[in-house]
């Protein structure tokens, strides 16, 4: 398979997104960075194909997506569904959380992420 990660044309956009994390992304990143979650390395704002995903763990082939209010829009839900199908078709596991869950139950979110690790 050809390289589908971090295409050069998305580099500036990835950098911009890393500088302007949402509050939910910044909160979750505190728990994922520096291999804090069971020694797994996560990247933030990583691109796979033409998509930039919120968080990516290469060793687990795991993508974590956080959804805010914009994802409640019907058109956005259709886009998210298509995007998820394409990424899953490439062999990735996609786990989605609503932003509010990050603030209301971070331990539950982290446990759900750990449940997707291959032991």
N, C-alpha and C. Protein backbone atom coordinates (compact mmCIF):
# COMPACT_ATOMS: atom_id res chain seq x y z
N UNK A 1 0.86 -1.18 0.00
CA UNK A 1 0.00 0.00 0.00
C UNK A 1 0.90 1.24 0.00
N UNK A 2 0.54 2.21 -0.81
CA UNK A 2 1.32 3.44 -0.86
C UNK A 2 1.17 4.22 0.45
N UNK A 3 2.07 5.13 0.69
CA UNK A 3 2.02 5.92 1.92
C UNK A 3 0.77 6.81 1.93
N UNK A 4 -0.05 6.63 2.94
CA UNK A 4 -1.28 7.42 3.05
C UNK A 4 -1.23 8.38 4.23
N UNK A 5 -0.09 8.43 4.91
CA UNK A 5 0.01 9.25 6.11
C UNK A 5 0.72 10.58 5.85
N UNK A 6 0.17 11.63 6.44
CA UNK A 6 0.77 12.96 6.48
C UNK A 6 1.27 13.47 5.13
N UNK A 7 0.35 13.54 4.18
CA UNK A 7 0.69 14.13 2.89
C UNK A 7 1.16 15.57 3.08
N UNK A 8 2.14 15.93 2.30
CA UNK A 8 2.76 17.26 2.41
C UNK A 8 1.74 18.39 2.22
N UNK A 9 0.79 18.21 1.32
CA UNK A 9 -0.16 19.29 1.04
C UNK A 9 -1.06 19.61 2.24
N UNK A 10 -1.12 18.73 3.22
CA UNK A 10 -1.94 18.97 4.42
C UNK A 10 -1.11 19.46 5.61
N UNK A 11 0.20 19.59 5.42
CA UNK A 11 1.09 19.93 6.53
C UNK A 11 0.73 21.24 7.22
N UNK A 12 0.51 22.29 6.47
CA UNK A 12 0.19 23.59 7.08
C UNK A 12 -1.13 23.54 7.85
N UNK A 13 -2.11 22.85 7.30
CA UNK A 13 -3.41 22.72 7.98
C UNK A 13 -3.27 21.92 9.28
N UNK A 14 -2.47 20.86 9.25
CA UNK A 14 -2.23 20.08 10.47
C UNK A 14 -1.58 20.95 11.54
N UNK A 15 -0.60 21.73 11.15
CA UNK A 15 0.08 22.62 12.11
C UNK A 15 -0.89 23.63 12.69
N UNK A 16 -1.72 24.19 11.84
CA UNK A 16 -2.72 25.17 12.28
C UNK A 16 -3.68 24.54 13.29
N UNK A 17 -4.14 23.34 13.00
CA UNK A 17 -5.07 22.65 13.90
C UNK A 17 -4.41 22.30 15.24
N UNK A 18 -3.13 21.95 15.20
CA UNK A 18 -2.43 21.65 16.45
C UNK A 18 -2.30 22.89 17.34
N UNK A 19 -2.18 24.04 16.70
CA UNK A 19 -2.06 25.30 17.46
C UNK A 19 -3.39 25.76 18.03
N UNK A 20 -4.49 25.29 17.45
CA UNK A 20 -5.82 25.77 17.85
C UNK A 20 -6.73 24.61 18.27
N UNK A 21 -6.23 23.77 19.16
CA UNK A 21 -7.03 22.65 19.64
C UNK A 21 -8.30 23.16 20.32
N UNK A 22 -9.37 22.42 20.19
CA UNK A 22 -10.58 22.75 20.94
C UNK A 22 -10.30 22.44 22.41
N UNK A 23 -11.10 23.00 23.33
CA UNK A 23 -10.90 22.66 24.75
C UNK A 23 -10.97 21.15 25.01
N UNK A 24 -11.87 20.46 24.34
CA UNK A 24 -11.98 19.01 24.54
C UNK A 24 -10.72 18.29 24.02
N UNK A 25 -10.22 18.70 22.86
CA UNK A 25 -9.00 18.10 22.31
C UNK A 25 -7.82 18.35 23.23
N UNK A 26 -7.70 19.58 23.73
CA UNK A 26 -6.59 19.92 24.63
C UNK A 26 -6.65 19.09 25.91
N UNK A 27 -7.85 18.90 26.44
CA UNK A 27 -8.01 18.11 27.66
C UNK A 27 -7.62 16.66 27.42
N UNK A 28 -8.14 16.05 26.36
CA UNK A 28 -7.81 14.66 26.09
C UNK A 28 -6.32 14.50 25.79
N UNK A 29 -5.74 15.46 25.10
CA UNK A 29 -4.33 15.38 24.74
C UNK A 29 -3.45 15.30 26.00
N UNK A 30 -3.86 15.95 27.08
CA UNK A 30 -3.09 15.89 28.33
C UNK A 30 -2.94 14.45 28.81
N UNK A 31 -3.92 13.60 28.50
CA UNK A 31 -3.90 12.21 28.94
C UNK A 31 -3.25 11.27 27.93
N UNK A 32 -3.20 11.69 26.67
CA UNK A 32 -2.67 10.82 25.62
C UNK A 32 -1.20 11.07 25.30
N UNK A 33 -0.75 12.30 25.51
CA UNK A 33 0.62 12.65 25.10
C UNK A 33 1.65 11.93 25.96
N UNK A 34 2.87 11.85 25.44
CA UNK A 34 4.02 11.28 26.15
C UNK A 34 3.79 9.85 26.61
N UNK A 35 3.07 9.08 25.81
CA UNK A 35 2.84 7.66 26.06
C UNK A 35 2.25 7.38 27.44
N UNK A 36 1.39 8.29 27.92
CA UNK A 36 0.82 8.13 29.25
C UNK A 36 -0.24 7.03 29.33
N UNK A 37 -0.88 6.71 28.23
CA UNK A 37 -1.95 5.74 28.24
C UNK A 37 -1.39 4.36 27.84
N UNK A 38 -1.03 3.59 28.83
CA UNK A 38 -0.50 2.23 28.63
C UNK A 38 0.67 2.19 27.65
N UNK A 39 1.49 3.24 27.64
CA UNK A 39 2.69 3.27 26.82
C UNK A 39 2.45 3.44 25.33
N UNK A 40 1.22 3.76 24.94
CA UNK A 40 0.92 3.94 23.51
C UNK A 40 1.23 5.36 23.08
N UNK A 41 1.86 5.49 21.92
CA UNK A 41 2.17 6.81 21.37
C UNK A 41 1.00 7.28 20.50
N UNK A 42 0.50 8.45 20.83
CA UNK A 42 -0.56 9.07 20.05
C UNK A 42 -0.01 10.31 19.36
N UNK A 43 -0.54 10.58 18.19
CA UNK A 43 -0.26 11.82 17.46
C UNK A 43 -1.55 12.61 17.39
N UNK A 44 -1.45 13.91 17.41
CA UNK A 44 -2.65 14.74 17.28
C UNK A 44 -2.64 15.41 15.92
N UNK A 45 -3.83 15.57 15.36
CA UNK A 45 -4.01 16.20 14.05
C UNK A 45 -3.09 15.54 13.02
N UNK A 46 -3.26 14.26 12.89
CA UNK A 46 -2.49 13.42 11.96
C UNK A 46 -3.34 13.20 10.71
N UNK A 47 -2.72 13.21 9.55
CA UNK A 47 -3.54 12.99 8.36
C UNK A 47 -3.37 11.58 7.84
N UNK A 48 -4.51 11.04 7.41
CA UNK A 48 -4.60 9.72 6.80
C UNK A 48 -5.36 9.92 5.51
N UNK A 49 -4.69 9.68 4.40
CA UNK A 49 -5.29 9.99 3.11
C UNK A 49 -5.58 11.47 3.03
N UNK A 50 -6.80 11.82 2.67
CA UNK A 50 -7.18 13.24 2.56
C UNK A 50 -7.81 13.78 3.84
N UNK A 51 -7.81 12.99 4.90
CA UNK A 51 -8.47 13.38 6.14
C UNK A 51 -7.45 13.70 7.23
N UNK A 52 -7.79 14.68 8.05
CA UNK A 52 -6.99 14.97 9.24
C UNK A 52 -7.82 14.48 10.43
N UNK A 53 -7.25 13.54 11.17
CA UNK A 53 -7.95 12.96 12.32
C UNK A 53 -7.46 13.63 13.60
N UNK A 54 -8.30 13.62 14.62
CA UNK A 54 -7.95 14.30 15.86
C UNK A 54 -6.75 13.64 16.54
N UNK A 55 -6.82 12.32 16.75
CA UNK A 55 -5.74 11.59 17.41
C UNK A 55 -5.55 10.26 16.70
N UNK A 56 -4.28 9.82 16.62
CA UNK A 56 -3.96 8.59 15.92
C UNK A 56 -2.89 7.83 16.69
N UNK A 57 -3.11 6.53 16.87
CA UNK A 57 -2.15 5.63 17.50
C UNK A 57 -1.78 4.58 16.47
N UNK A 58 -0.56 4.67 15.94
CA UNK A 58 -0.13 3.78 14.87
C UNK A 58 -0.04 2.33 15.32
N UNK A 59 0.45 2.08 16.52
CA UNK A 59 0.64 0.70 16.99
C UNK A 59 -0.69 -0.04 17.11
N UNK A 60 -1.78 0.70 17.31
CA UNK A 60 -3.10 0.10 17.46
C UNK A 60 -3.98 0.30 16.23
N UNK A 61 -3.48 1.05 15.25
CA UNK A 61 -4.29 1.39 14.07
C UNK A 61 -5.61 2.04 14.50
N UNK A 62 -5.50 2.89 15.51
CA UNK A 62 -6.65 3.46 16.20
C UNK A 62 -6.73 4.96 15.97
N UNK A 63 -7.92 5.42 15.58
CA UNK A 63 -8.20 6.83 15.38
C UNK A 63 -9.25 7.26 16.40
N UNK A 64 -8.98 8.35 17.11
CA UNK A 64 -9.93 8.91 18.07
C UNK A 64 -10.44 10.22 17.50
N UNK A 65 -11.75 10.35 17.41
CA UNK A 65 -12.38 11.56 16.91
C UNK A 65 -13.27 12.16 17.99
N UNK A 66 -13.18 13.47 18.17
CA UNK A 66 -14.04 14.20 19.11
C UNK A 66 -15.04 15.01 18.31
N UNK A 67 -16.29 14.92 18.71
CA UNK A 67 -17.37 15.57 17.97
C UNK A 67 -18.04 16.65 18.82
N UNK A 68 -18.05 17.85 18.29
CA UNK A 68 -18.76 18.97 18.92
C UNK A 68 -20.11 19.16 18.27
N UNK A 69 -20.71 20.30 18.55
CA UNK A 69 -22.07 20.60 18.08
C UNK A 69 -22.17 20.56 16.55
N UNK A 70 -21.12 20.93 15.85
CA UNK A 70 -21.16 20.96 14.38
C UNK A 70 -21.49 19.57 13.82
N UNK A 71 -21.13 18.52 14.55
CA UNK A 71 -21.36 17.16 14.06
C UNK A 71 -22.81 16.72 14.19
N UNK A 72 -23.66 17.57 14.76
CA UNK A 72 -25.09 17.27 14.85
C UNK A 72 -25.83 17.62 13.56
N UNK A 73 -25.20 18.44 12.72
CA UNK A 73 -25.77 18.83 11.44
C UNK A 73 -25.89 17.60 10.52
N UNK A 74 -27.03 17.47 9.85
CA UNK A 74 -27.30 16.30 9.01
C UNK A 74 -26.22 16.10 7.95
N UNK A 75 -25.85 17.16 7.25
CA UNK A 75 -24.83 17.06 6.20
C UNK A 75 -23.50 16.62 6.79
N UNK A 76 -23.17 17.16 7.96
CA UNK A 76 -21.91 16.79 8.61
C UNK A 76 -21.94 15.33 9.06
N UNK A 77 -23.09 14.86 9.51
CA UNK A 77 -23.21 13.46 9.91
C UNK A 77 -23.00 12.53 8.72
N UNK A 78 -23.53 12.91 7.57
CA UNK A 78 -23.31 12.11 6.36
C UNK A 78 -21.84 12.09 5.97
N UNK A 79 -21.17 13.24 6.05
CA UNK A 79 -19.74 13.33 5.74
C UNK A 79 -18.95 12.46 6.72
N UNK A 80 -19.27 12.57 8.02
CA UNK A 80 -18.58 11.78 9.04
C UNK A 80 -18.76 10.29 8.79
N UNK A 81 -19.97 9.89 8.41
CA UNK A 81 -20.24 8.47 8.15
C UNK A 81 -19.41 7.97 6.96
N UNK A 82 -19.39 8.74 5.89
CA UNK A 82 -18.61 8.36 4.71
C UNK A 82 -17.12 8.29 5.05
N UNK A 83 -16.66 9.27 5.77
CA UNK A 83 -15.26 9.33 6.18
C UNK A 83 -14.89 8.11 7.03
N UNK A 84 -15.75 7.80 8.00
CA UNK A 84 -15.52 6.64 8.87
C UNK A 84 -15.45 5.36 8.05
N UNK A 85 -16.37 5.20 7.10
CA UNK A 85 -16.38 4.00 6.26
C UNK A 85 -15.09 3.88 5.46
N UNK A 86 -14.62 4.99 4.91
CA UNK A 86 -13.39 4.95 4.12
C UNK A 86 -12.19 4.60 4.99
N UNK A 87 -12.11 5.18 6.17
CA UNK A 87 -10.98 4.91 7.05
C UNK A 87 -11.03 3.47 7.58
N UNK A 88 -12.23 3.00 7.93
CA UNK A 88 -12.35 1.61 8.36
C UNK A 88 -12.01 0.65 7.23
N UNK A 89 -12.34 1.04 6.01
CA UNK A 89 -11.98 0.23 4.84
C UNK A 89 -10.48 0.08 4.65
N UNK A 90 -9.73 1.03 5.20
CA UNK A 90 -8.26 0.96 5.15
C UNK A 90 -7.69 0.19 6.34
N UNK A 91 -8.58 -0.29 7.22
CA UNK A 91 -8.14 -1.10 8.35
C UNK A 91 -8.02 -0.37 9.67
N UNK A 92 -8.47 0.86 9.72
CA UNK A 92 -8.39 1.63 10.97
C UNK A 92 -9.61 1.39 11.84
N UNK A 93 -9.41 1.47 13.14
CA UNK A 93 -10.51 1.43 14.11
C UNK A 93 -10.80 2.88 14.47
N UNK A 94 -12.06 3.28 14.36
CA UNK A 94 -12.46 4.65 14.66
C UNK A 94 -13.31 4.64 15.93
N UNK A 95 -12.93 5.48 16.88
CA UNK A 95 -13.71 5.64 18.11
C UNK A 95 -14.07 7.11 18.22
N UNK A 96 -15.35 7.39 18.39
CA UNK A 96 -15.85 8.76 18.44
C UNK A 96 -16.40 9.06 19.84
N UNK A 97 -16.14 10.27 20.31
CA UNK A 97 -16.68 10.75 21.58
C UNK A 97 -17.25 12.14 21.38
N UNK A 98 -18.34 12.43 22.05
CA UNK A 98 -18.83 13.80 22.08
C UNK A 98 -17.92 14.62 22.98
N UNK A 99 -17.70 15.87 22.61
CA UNK A 99 -16.84 16.74 23.39
C UNK A 99 -17.22 16.76 24.87
N UNK A 100 -18.52 16.85 25.14
CA UNK A 100 -18.96 16.98 26.54
C UNK A 100 -18.55 15.79 27.38
N UNK A 101 -18.41 14.62 26.77
CA UNK A 101 -18.01 13.43 27.51
C UNK A 101 -16.59 13.55 28.04
N UNK A 102 -15.75 14.27 27.33
CA UNK A 102 -14.36 14.48 27.77
C UNK A 102 -14.36 15.19 29.13
N UNK A 103 -15.27 16.13 29.29
CA UNK A 103 -15.33 16.91 30.54
C UNK A 103 -16.15 16.22 31.63
N UNK A 104 -17.13 15.44 31.22
CA UNK A 104 -18.02 14.81 32.19
C UNK A 104 -17.53 13.46 32.69
N UNK A 105 -16.74 12.74 31.87
CA UNK A 105 -16.33 11.40 32.25
C UNK A 105 -15.02 11.02 31.56
N UNK A 106 -13.95 11.73 31.86
CA UNK A 106 -12.67 11.46 31.20
C UNK A 106 -12.18 10.05 31.50
N UNK A 107 -12.40 9.56 32.71
CA UNK A 107 -11.96 8.20 33.03
C UNK A 107 -12.68 7.16 32.18
N UNK A 108 -13.97 7.37 31.95
CA UNK A 108 -14.73 6.47 31.08
C UNK A 108 -14.22 6.51 29.65
N UNK A 109 -13.87 7.69 29.17
CA UNK A 109 -13.32 7.86 27.82
C UNK A 109 -11.99 7.11 27.71
N UNK A 110 -11.12 7.30 28.69
CA UNK A 110 -9.81 6.64 28.66
C UNK A 110 -9.97 5.11 28.72
N UNK A 111 -10.92 4.65 29.52
CA UNK A 111 -11.17 3.21 29.60
C UNK A 111 -11.66 2.67 28.26
N UNK A 112 -12.55 3.41 27.61
CA UNK A 112 -13.04 2.99 26.29
C UNK A 112 -11.90 2.93 25.28
N UNK A 113 -10.99 3.89 25.33
CA UNK A 113 -9.83 3.87 24.43
C UNK A 113 -8.97 2.65 24.74
N UNK A 114 -8.67 2.41 26.01
CA UNK A 114 -7.86 1.25 26.41
C UNK A 114 -8.51 -0.06 25.94
N UNK A 115 -9.82 -0.12 25.96
CA UNK A 115 -10.53 -1.33 25.53
C UNK A 115 -10.28 -1.68 24.07
N UNK A 116 -9.82 -0.71 23.29
CA UNK A 116 -9.54 -0.95 21.87
C UNK A 116 -8.07 -1.33 21.63
N UNK A 117 -7.26 -1.39 22.68
CA UNK A 117 -5.86 -1.78 22.53
C UNK A 117 -5.77 -3.30 22.37
N UNK A 118 -4.89 -3.71 21.52
CA UNK A 118 -4.55 -5.14 21.41
C UNK A 118 -3.61 -5.42 22.56
N UNK A 119 -3.90 -6.40 23.35
CA UNK A 119 -3.03 -6.69 24.52
C UNK A 119 -1.93 -7.63 24.20
